[in-house]
């Protein structure tokens, strides 16, 4: 899994690279990326390899909290969980089935949650970009099957951006790269982004040549984040 930073390679400045950038690169909120409404309060996710050297500074928004949907009764914290594969297979994961899905999970048709649910379905149905292998995992079992097939091994290791020593608030702030800098973790990686849906769904994809780094980031107040960077 990956939350945190996306590497911008100058070699990606081809038309396919621009399409990829539009879809994934400039948002600091995994859930907002499907709304396409970038906020100036969220720092861009682009960086260059040299930015991962010890002592370098970058402005980053860490999204480690639960998604929040604002309704008529105020903000509601949503922590969707995986459903068993047998159960999700009985729910067609299609935009044509949106009305049934909203009714099944008691979601108001004109609410923000309904809009984000529709956007997730549309993004999952959208054709993959050139060179991309994509899959929307609607269960833990299907996620593992996809990752194993892509990596060609059942020996897989899941990593996620995490705060080491204190709770991190969702805001753009400046971090300094800690001792050792960014370290490449593996020559192969599948990235899975959690998306907004009534139950846990992950947008998993793979681009050839993607390199995953573990980067120690230190804020001015001493907060230490072990960030996944791609």
C-alpha atoms as a PDB file:
ATOM      1  CA  UNK A   1       0.000   0.000   0.000  1.00  0.00           C
ATOM      2  CA  UNK A   2       1.194   3.508  -0.528  1.00  0.00           C
ATOM      3  CA  UNK A   3       0.249   6.871   0.899  1.00  0.00           C
ATOM      4  CA  UNK A   4       2.540   9.815   0.741  1.00  0.00           C
ATOM      5  CA  UNK A   5       4.686  10.976  -2.136  1.00  0.00           C
ATOM      6  CA  UNK A   6       4.746  10.359  -5.870  1.00  0.00           C
ATOM      7  CA  UNK A   7       7.986  10.772  -7.799  1.00  0.00           C
ATOM      8  CA  UNK A   8       7.839  12.937 -10.933  1.00  0.00           C
ATOM      9  CA  UNK A   9      10.357  11.711 -13.472  1.00  0.00           C
ATOM     10  CA  UNK A  10      11.281  14.073 -16.293  1.00  0.00           C
ATOM     11  CA  UNK A  11      11.058  11.091 -18.606  1.00  0.00           C
ATOM     12  CA  UNK A  12       7.308  11.024 -17.949  1.00  0.00           C
ATOM     13  CA  UNK A  13       6.704  14.283 -19.824  1.00  0.00           C
ATOM     14  CA  UNK A  14       5.154  12.386 -22.723  1.00  0.00           C
ATOM     15  CA  UNK A  15       1.378  12.465 -23.376  1.00  0.00           C
ATOM     16  CA  UNK A  16       0.897   9.286 -21.317  1.00  0.00           C
ATOM     17  CA  UNK A  17       2.835  10.852 -18.459  1.00  0.00           C
ATOM     18  CA  UNK A  18       0.661  13.958 -18.478  1.00  0.00           C
ATOM     19  CA  UNK A  19      -2.493  11.876 -18.294  1.00  0.00           C
ATOM     20  CA  UNK A  20      -1.051   9.963 -15.360  1.00  0.00           C
ATOM     21  CA  UNK A  21      -0.079  13.216 -13.683  1.00  0.00           C
ATOM     22  CA  UNK A  22      -3.564  14.655 -14.061  1.00  0.00           C
ATOM     23  CA  UNK A  23      -5.117  11.632 -12.440  1.00  0.00           C
ATOM     24  CA  UNK A  24      -2.750  11.011  -9.564  1.00  0.00           C
ATOM     25  CA  UNK A  25      -0.020  13.539  -9.057  1.00  0.00           C
ATOM     26  CA  UNK A  26      -1.058  16.856  -7.580  1.00  0.00           C
ATOM     27  CA  UNK A  27      -3.369  15.948  -4.722  1.00  0.00           C
ATOM     28  CA  UNK A  28      -2.442  15.372  -1.102  1.00  0.00           C
ATOM     29  CA  UNK A  29      -5.668  13.546  -0.225  1.00  0.00           C
ATOM     30  CA  UNK A  30      -6.220  10.027  -1.509  1.00  0.00           C
ATOM     31  CA  UNK A  31      -9.989  10.395  -1.216  1.00  0.00           C
ATOM     32  CA  UNK A  32     -10.168  13.844  -2.814  1.00  0.00           C
ATOM     33  CA  UNK A  33      -8.203  12.726  -5.844  1.00  0.00           C
ATOM     34  CA  UNK A  34     -11.393  11.320  -7.353  1.00  0.00           C
ATOM     35  CA  UNK A  35     -13.189  14.658  -6.887  1.00  0.00           C
ATOM     36  CA  UNK A  36     -10.443  16.380  -8.929  1.00  0.00           C
ATOM     37  CA  UNK A  37     -10.707  19.524  -6.790  1.00  0.00           C
ATOM     38  CA  UNK A  38      -7.219  20.370  -5.673  1.00  0.00           C
ATOM     39  CA  UNK A  39      -6.989  22.575  -2.589  1.00  0.00           C
ATOM     40  CA  UNK A  40      -4.151  25.032  -1.917  1.00  0.00           C
ATOM     41  CA  UNK A  41      -4.095  23.610   1.638  1.00  0.00           C
ATOM     42  CA  UNK A  42      -2.801  20.320   0.237  1.00  0.00           C
ATOM     43  CA  UNK A  43       0.810  20.169  -0.899  1.00  0.00           C
ATOM     44  CA  UNK A  44       1.689  18.652  -4.292  1.00  0.00           C
ATOM     45  CA  UNK A  45       3.030  15.103  -4.231  1.00  0.00           C
ATOM     46  CA  UNK A  46       5.690  15.516  -6.910  1.00  0.00           C
ATOM     47  CA  UNK A  47       9.359  15.231  -6.067  1.00  0.00           C
ATOM     48  CA  UNK A  48      12.676  14.435  -7.707  1.00  0.00           C
ATOM     49  CA  UNK A  49      15.087  11.717  -6.618  1.00  0.00           C
ATOM     50  CA  UNK A  50      17.554  14.317  -5.331  1.00  0.00           C
ATOM     51  CA  UNK A  51      14.855  15.533  -2.912  1.00  0.00           C
ATOM     52  CA  UNK A  52      15.283  12.284  -0.943  1.00  0.00           C
ATOM     53  CA  UNK A  53      18.855  13.102   0.113  1.00  0.00           C
ATOM     54  CA  UNK A  54      19.467  13.603   3.878  1.00  0.00           C
ATOM     55  CA  UNK A  55      18.796  17.164   4.997  1.00  0.00           C
ATOM     56  CA  UNK A  56      16.669  18.125   2.007  1.00  0.00           C
ATOM     57  CA  UNK A  57      13.339  19.811   2.777  1.00  0.00           C
ATOM     58  CA  UNK A  58       9.966  19.401   1.111  1.00  0.00           C
ATOM     59  CA  UNK A  59       6.404  20.573   1.680  1.00  0.00           C
ATOM     60  CA  UNK A  60       4.125  17.569   2.147  1.00  0.00           C
ATOM     61  CA  UNK A  61       0.560  16.844   3.236  1.00  0.00           C
ATOM     62  CA  UNK A  62       0.350  13.567   5.149  1.00  0.00           C
ATOM     63  CA  UNK A  63      -3.010  11.826   4.855  1.00  0.00           C
ATOM     64  CA  UNK A  64      -2.993   9.348   7.719  1.00  0.00           C
ATOM     65  CA  UNK A  65      -6.400  10.077   9.244  1.00  0.00           C
ATOM     66  CA  UNK A  66      -9.746   8.474   8.409  1.00  0.00           C
ATOM     67  CA  UNK A  67     -11.779   9.928   5.539  1.00  0.00           C
ATOM     68  CA  UNK A  68     -14.456  12.417   6.540  1.00  0.00           C
ATOM     69  CA  UNK A  69     -17.751  13.014   4.753  1.00  0.00           C
ATOM     70  CA  UNK A  70     -19.740  16.145   5.553  1.00  0.00           C
ATOM     71  CA  UNK A  71     -23.491  15.604   5.768  1.00  0.00           C
ATOM     72  CA  UNK A  72     -26.535  17.493   7.009  1.00  0.00           C
ATOM     73  CA  UNK A  73     -25.779  16.267  10.531  1.00  0.00           C
ATOM     74  CA  UNK A  74     -22.184  17.441  10.435  1.00  0.00           C
ATOM     75  CA  UNK A  75     -18.921  15.657   9.677  1.00  0.00           C
ATOM     76  CA  UNK A  76     -19.061  11.879   9.850  1.00  0.00           C
ATOM     77  CA  UNK A  77     -15.936   9.754  10.244  1.00  0.00           C
ATOM     78  CA  UNK A  78     -16.051   6.768   7.934  1.00  0.00           C
ATOM     79  CA  UNK A  79     -13.835   3.742   8.401  1.00  0.00           C
ATOM     80  CA  UNK A  80     -14.986   1.217   5.809  1.00  0.00           C
ATOM     81  CA  UNK A  81     -13.907  -2.371   6.317  1.00  0.00           C
ATOM     82  CA  UNK A  82     -13.406  -5.205   3.857  1.00  0.00           C
ATOM     83  CA  UNK A  83     -16.352  -7.469   3.156  1.00  0.00           C
ATOM     84  CA  UNK A  84     -15.777 -11.166   2.416  1.00  0.00           C
ATOM     85  CA  UNK A  85     -15.164 -11.831  -1.291  1.00  0.00           C
ATOM     86  CA  UNK A  86     -18.248 -14.041  -1.527  1.00  0.00           C
ATOM     87  CA  UNK A  87     -20.376 -11.111  -0.349  1.00  0.00           C
ATOM     88  CA  UNK A  88     -18.822  -8.492  -2.650  1.00  0.00           C
ATOM     89  CA  UNK A  89     -19.161 -10.795  -5.660  1.00  0.00           C
ATOM     90  CA  UNK A  90     -22.924 -10.656  -5.105  1.00  0.00           C
ATOM     91  CA  UNK A  91     -22.850  -6.843  -5.470  1.00  0.00           C
ATOM     92  CA  UNK A  92     -22.134  -5.841  -9.108  1.00  0.00           C
ATOM     93  CA  UNK A  93     -19.337  -3.241  -8.937  1.00  0.00           C
ATOM     94  CA  UNK A  94     -20.707  -1.154 -11.811  1.00  0.00           C
ATOM     95  CA  UNK A  95     -21.964   2.408 -12.310  1.00  0.00           C
ATOM     96  CA  UNK A  96     -25.129   0.881 -13.745  1.00  0.00           C
ATOM     97  CA  UNK A  97     -25.712  -0.638 -10.303  1.00  0.00           C
ATOM     98  CA  UNK A  98     -25.164   2.636  -8.407  1.00  0.00           C
ATOM     99  CA  UNK A  99     -28.797   3.116  -7.341  1.00  0.00           C
ATOM    100  CA  UNK A 100     -28.925  -0.392  -5.871  1.00  0.00           C
ATOM    101  CA  UNK A 101     -25.624   0.130  -4.031  1.00  0.00           C
ATOM    102  CA  UNK A 102     -26.799   3.427  -2.505  1.00  0.00           C
ATOM    103  CA  UNK A 103     -30.045   1.838  -1.318  1.00  0.00           C
ATOM    104  CA  UNK A 104     -28.247  -1.222   0.041  1.00  0.00           C
ATOM    105  CA  UNK A 105     -25.973   0.931   2.235  1.00  0.00           C
ATOM    106  CA  UNK A 106     -28.588   3.623   3.077  1.00  0.00           C
ATOM    107  CA  UNK A 107     -26.729   6.440   1.296  1.00  0.00           C
ATOM    108  CA  UNK A 108     -28.695   9.531   0.273  1.00  0.00           C
ATOM    109  CA  UNK A 109     -28.691   9.710  -3.566  1.00  0.00           C
ATOM    110  CA  UNK A 110     -27.722  13.400  -3.720  1.00  0.00           C
ATOM    111  CA  UNK A 111     -25.184  13.381  -0.889  1.00  0.00           C
ATOM    112  CA  UNK A 112     -21.438  13.920  -1.159  1.00  0.00           C
ATOM    113  CA  UNK A 113     -20.890  10.305  -0.187  1.00  0.00           C
ATOM    114  CA  UNK A 114     -23.086   9.202  -3.116  1.00  0.00           C
ATOM    115  CA  UNK A 115     -21.146  11.450  -5.492  1.00  0.00           C
ATOM    116  CA  UNK A 116     -17.805  10.032  -4.341  1.00  0.00           C
ATOM    117  CA  UNK A 117     -19.140   6.485  -4.569  1.00  0.00           C
ATOM    118  CA  UNK A 118     -20.172   7.127  -8.179  1.00  0.00           C
ATOM    119  CA  UNK A 119     -16.778   8.667  -8.942  1.00  0.00           C
ATOM    120  CA  UNK A 120     -15.000   5.592  -7.573  1.00  0.00           C
ATOM    121  CA  UNK A 121     -17.039   3.316  -9.837  1.00  0.00           C
ATOM    122  CA  UNK A 122     -16.320   5.526 -12.850  1.00  0.00           C
ATOM    123  CA  UNK A 123     -12.587   5.639 -12.100  1.00  0.00           C
ATOM    124  CA  UNK A 124     -12.452   1.876 -11.715  1.00  0.00           C
ATOM    125  CA  UNK A 125     -14.256   1.391 -15.036  1.00  0.00           C
ATOM    126  CA  UNK A 126     -12.010   3.870 -16.872  1.00  0.00           C
ATOM    127  CA  UNK A 127      -9.462   2.155 -19.190  1.00  0.00           C
ATOM    128  CA  UNK A 128      -5.929   1.797 -17.863  1.00  0.00           C
ATOM    129  CA  UNK A 129      -3.313   4.305 -18.969  1.00  0.00           C
ATOM    130  CA  UNK A 130      -0.589   3.270 -21.392  1.00  0.00           C
ATOM    131  CA  UNK A 131       1.737   0.873 -19.580  1.00  0.00           C
ATOM    132  CA  UNK A 132      -0.474   0.702 -16.489  1.00  0.00           C
ATOM    133  CA  UNK A 133      -1.962  -2.471 -15.037  1.00  0.00           C
ATOM    134  CA  UNK A 134      -4.904  -1.563 -12.787  1.00  0.00           C
ATOM    135  CA  UNK A 135      -7.458  -3.348 -10.644  1.00  0.00           C
ATOM    136  CA  UNK A 136     -10.029  -2.231  -8.082  1.00  0.00           C
ATOM    137  CA  UNK A 137      -9.909  -4.721  -5.225  1.00  0.00           C
ATOM    138  CA  UNK A 138     -13.275  -5.058  -3.489  1.00  0.00           C
ATOM    139  CA  UNK A 139     -12.066  -7.631  -0.952  1.00  0.00           C
ATOM    140  CA  UNK A 140      -8.851  -8.499   0.846  1.00  0.00           C
ATOM    141  CA  UNK A 141      -8.723 -11.828  -0.986  1.00  0.00           C
ATOM    142  CA  UNK A 142      -8.961 -10.176  -4.417  1.00  0.00           C
ATOM    143  CA  UNK A 143      -6.302  -7.615  -3.468  1.00  0.00           C
ATOM    144  CA  UNK A 144      -3.850 -10.335  -2.434  1.00  0.00           C
ATOM    145  CA  UNK A 145      -4.562 -12.351  -5.603  1.00  0.00           C
ATOM    146  CA  UNK A 146      -3.859  -9.313  -7.809  1.00  0.00           C
ATOM    147  CA  UNK A 147      -0.652  -8.360  -5.988  1.00  0.00           C
ATOM    148  CA  UNK A 148       0.665 -11.937  -6.028  1.00  0.00           C
ATOM    149  CA  UNK A 149      -0.073 -12.237  -9.760  1.00  0.00           C
ATOM    150  CA  UNK A 150       1.645  -8.914 -10.555  1.00  0.00           C
ATOM    151  CA  UNK A 151       4.721  -9.523  -8.396  1.00  0.00           C
ATOM    152  CA  UNK A 152       5.027 -13.176  -9.378  1.00  0.00           C
ATOM    153  CA  UNK A 153       5.531 -14.317  -5.797  1.00  0.00           C
ATOM    154  CA  UNK A 154       3.511 -15.202  -2.715  1.00  0.00           C
ATOM    155  CA  UNK A 155       6.224 -13.650  -0.526  1.00  0.00           C
ATOM    156  CA  UNK A 156       4.845 -10.106  -0.359  1.00  0.00           C
ATOM    157  CA  UNK A 157       5.368  -7.352   2.180  1.00  0.00           C
ATOM    158  CA  UNK A 158       2.787  -4.598   2.794  1.00  0.00           C
ATOM    159  CA  UNK A 159       4.056  -1.149   3.780  1.00  0.00           C
ATOM    160  CA  UNK A 160       2.256   2.103   4.532  1.00  0.00           C
ATOM    161  CA  UNK A 161       3.211   5.638   5.532  1.00  0.00           C
ATOM    162  CA  UNK A 162       3.145   5.834   9.330  1.00  0.00           C
ATOM    163  CA  UNK A 163       3.812   8.302  12.138  1.00  0.00           C
ATOM    164  CA  UNK A 164       6.477   7.123  14.555  1.00  0.00           C
ATOM    165  CA  UNK A 165       6.274   9.274  17.668  1.00  0.00           C
ATOM    166  CA  UNK A 166       3.113  11.436  17.718  1.00  0.00           C
ATOM    167  CA  UNK A 167      -0.237  11.983  16.060  1.00  0.00           C
ATOM    168  CA  UNK A 168       0.059  13.821  12.768  1.00  0.00           C
ATOM    169  CA  UNK A 169      -2.541  16.392  11.713  1.00  0.00           C
ATOM    170  CA  UNK A 170      -3.753  16.648   8.134  1.00  0.00           C
ATOM    171  CA  UNK A 171      -2.061  19.796   6.860  1.00  0.00           C
ATOM    172  CA  UNK A 172       0.713  20.883   4.546  1.00  0.00           C
ATOM    173  CA  UNK A 173       3.965  21.314   6.407  1.00  0.00           C
ATOM    174  CA  UNK A 174       7.698  21.279   5.810  1.00  0.00           C
ATOM    175  CA  UNK A 175       9.656  18.115   6.550  1.00  0.00           C
ATOM    176  CA  UNK A 176      13.391  17.480   6.547  1.00  0.00           C
ATOM    177  CA  UNK A 177      14.665  14.179   5.175  1.00  0.00           C
ATOM    178  CA  UNK A 178      16.338  12.286   8.027  1.00  0.00           C
ATOM    179  CA  UNK A 179      19.609  10.380   8.276  1.00  0.00           C
ATOM    180  CA  UNK A 180      20.191   7.895   5.502  1.00  0.00           C
ATOM    181  CA  UNK A 181      17.727   9.550   3.143  1.00  0.00           C
ATOM    182  CA  UNK A 182      15.308   7.599   0.995  1.00  0.00           C
ATOM    183  CA  UNK A 183      16.103   3.893   0.683  1.00  0.00           C
ATOM    184  CA  UNK A 184      14.839   1.746  -2.188  1.00  0.00           C
ATOM    185  CA  UNK A 185      12.810  -1.083  -0.652  1.00  0.00           C
ATOM    186  CA  UNK A 186      12.235  -3.436  -3.582  1.00  0.00           C
ATOM    187  CA  UNK A 187      12.657  -3.634  -7.362  1.00  0.00           C
ATOM    188  CA  UNK A 188       8.941  -4.500  -7.686  1.00  0.00           C
ATOM    189  CA  UNK A 189       5.912  -2.730  -6.276  1.00  0.00           C
ATOM    190  CA  UNK A 190       2.142  -2.616  -6.589  1.00  0.00           C
ATOM    191  CA  UNK A 191       0.537   0.544  -5.233  1.00  0.00           C
ATOM    192  CA  UNK A 192      -2.926   0.361  -3.665  1.00  0.00           C
ATOM    193  CA  UNK A 193      -4.879   3.542  -2.819  1.00  0.00           C
ATOM    194  CA  UNK A 194      -7.940   3.402  -0.578  1.00  0.00           C
ATOM    195  CA  UNK A 195     -10.934   5.013  -2.289  1.00  0.00           C
ATOM    196  CA  UNK A 196     -14.338   6.192  -1.128  1.00  0.00           C
ATOM    197  CA  UNK A 197     -16.977   3.452  -1.143  1.00  0.00           C
ATOM    198  CA  UNK A 198     -19.505   2.022   1.351  1.00  0.00           C
ATOM    199  CA  UNK A 199     -17.083  -0.814   2.070  1.00  0.00           C
ATOM    200  CA  UNK A 200     -13.300  -1.009   1.698  1.00  0.00           C
ATOM    201  CA  UNK A 201     -12.132  -0.791  -1.916  1.00  0.00           C
ATOM    202  CA  UNK A 202      -8.544  -0.233  -3.060  1.00  0.00           C
ATOM    203  CA  UNK A 203      -7.427   1.080  -6.441  1.00  0.00           C
ATOM    204  CA  UNK A 204      -4.350  -1.047  -7.126  1.00  0.00           C
ATOM    205  CA  UNK A 205      -2.053  -0.414 -10.068  1.00  0.00           C
ATOM    206  CA  UNK A 206       1.421  -0.957 -11.378  1.00  0.00           C
ATOM    207  CA  UNK A 207       3.616   1.057 -13.727  1.00  0.00           C
ATOM    208  CA  UNK A 208       6.821  -0.453 -15.180  1.00  0.00           C
ATOM    209  CA  UNK A 209       9.934   1.104 -13.676  1.00  0.00           C
ATOM    210  CA  UNK A 210       8.258   2.322 -10.475  1.00  0.00           C
ATOM    211  CA  UNK A 211      10.661   2.374  -7.508  1.00  0.00           C
ATOM    212  CA  UNK A 212       9.406   2.389  -3.893  1.00  0.00           C
ATOM    213  CA  UNK A 213      11.402   4.263  -1.224  1.00  0.00           C
ATOM    214  CA  UNK A 214      11.092   4.414   2.544  1.00  0.00           C
ATOM    215  CA  UNK A 215      11.878   8.000   3.577  1.00  0.00           C
ATOM    216  CA  UNK A 216      12.329   9.246   7.179  1.00  0.00           C
ATOM    217  CA  UNK A 217      10.741  12.714   7.402  1.00  0.00           C
ATOM    218  CA  UNK A 218      11.148  15.013  10.410  1.00  0.00           C
ATOM    219  CA  UNK A 219       8.936  18.055  11.077  1.00  0.00           C
ATOM    220  CA  UNK A 220      10.003  21.160  13.004  1.00  0.00           C
ATOM    221  CA  UNK A 221       8.128  19.967  16.104  1.00  0.00           C
ATOM    222  CA  UNK A 222       9.988  16.645  16.070  1.00  0.00           C
ATOM    223  CA  UNK A 223       7.240  14.574  14.467  1.00  0.00           C
ATOM    224  CA  UNK A 224       8.838  11.640  12.656  1.00  0.00           C
ATOM    225  CA  UNK A 225       7.070  10.029   9.701  1.00  0.00           C
ATOM    226  CA  UNK A 226       8.251   6.960   7.841  1.00  0.00           C
ATOM    227  CA  UNK A 227       6.875   7.814   4.399  1.00  0.00           C
ATOM    228  CA  UNK A 228       6.426   5.619   1.380  1.00  0.00           C
ATOM    229  CA  UNK A 229       7.582   7.429  -1.756  1.00  0.00           C
ATOM    230  CA  UNK A 230       7.261   6.239  -5.351  1.00  0.00           C
END
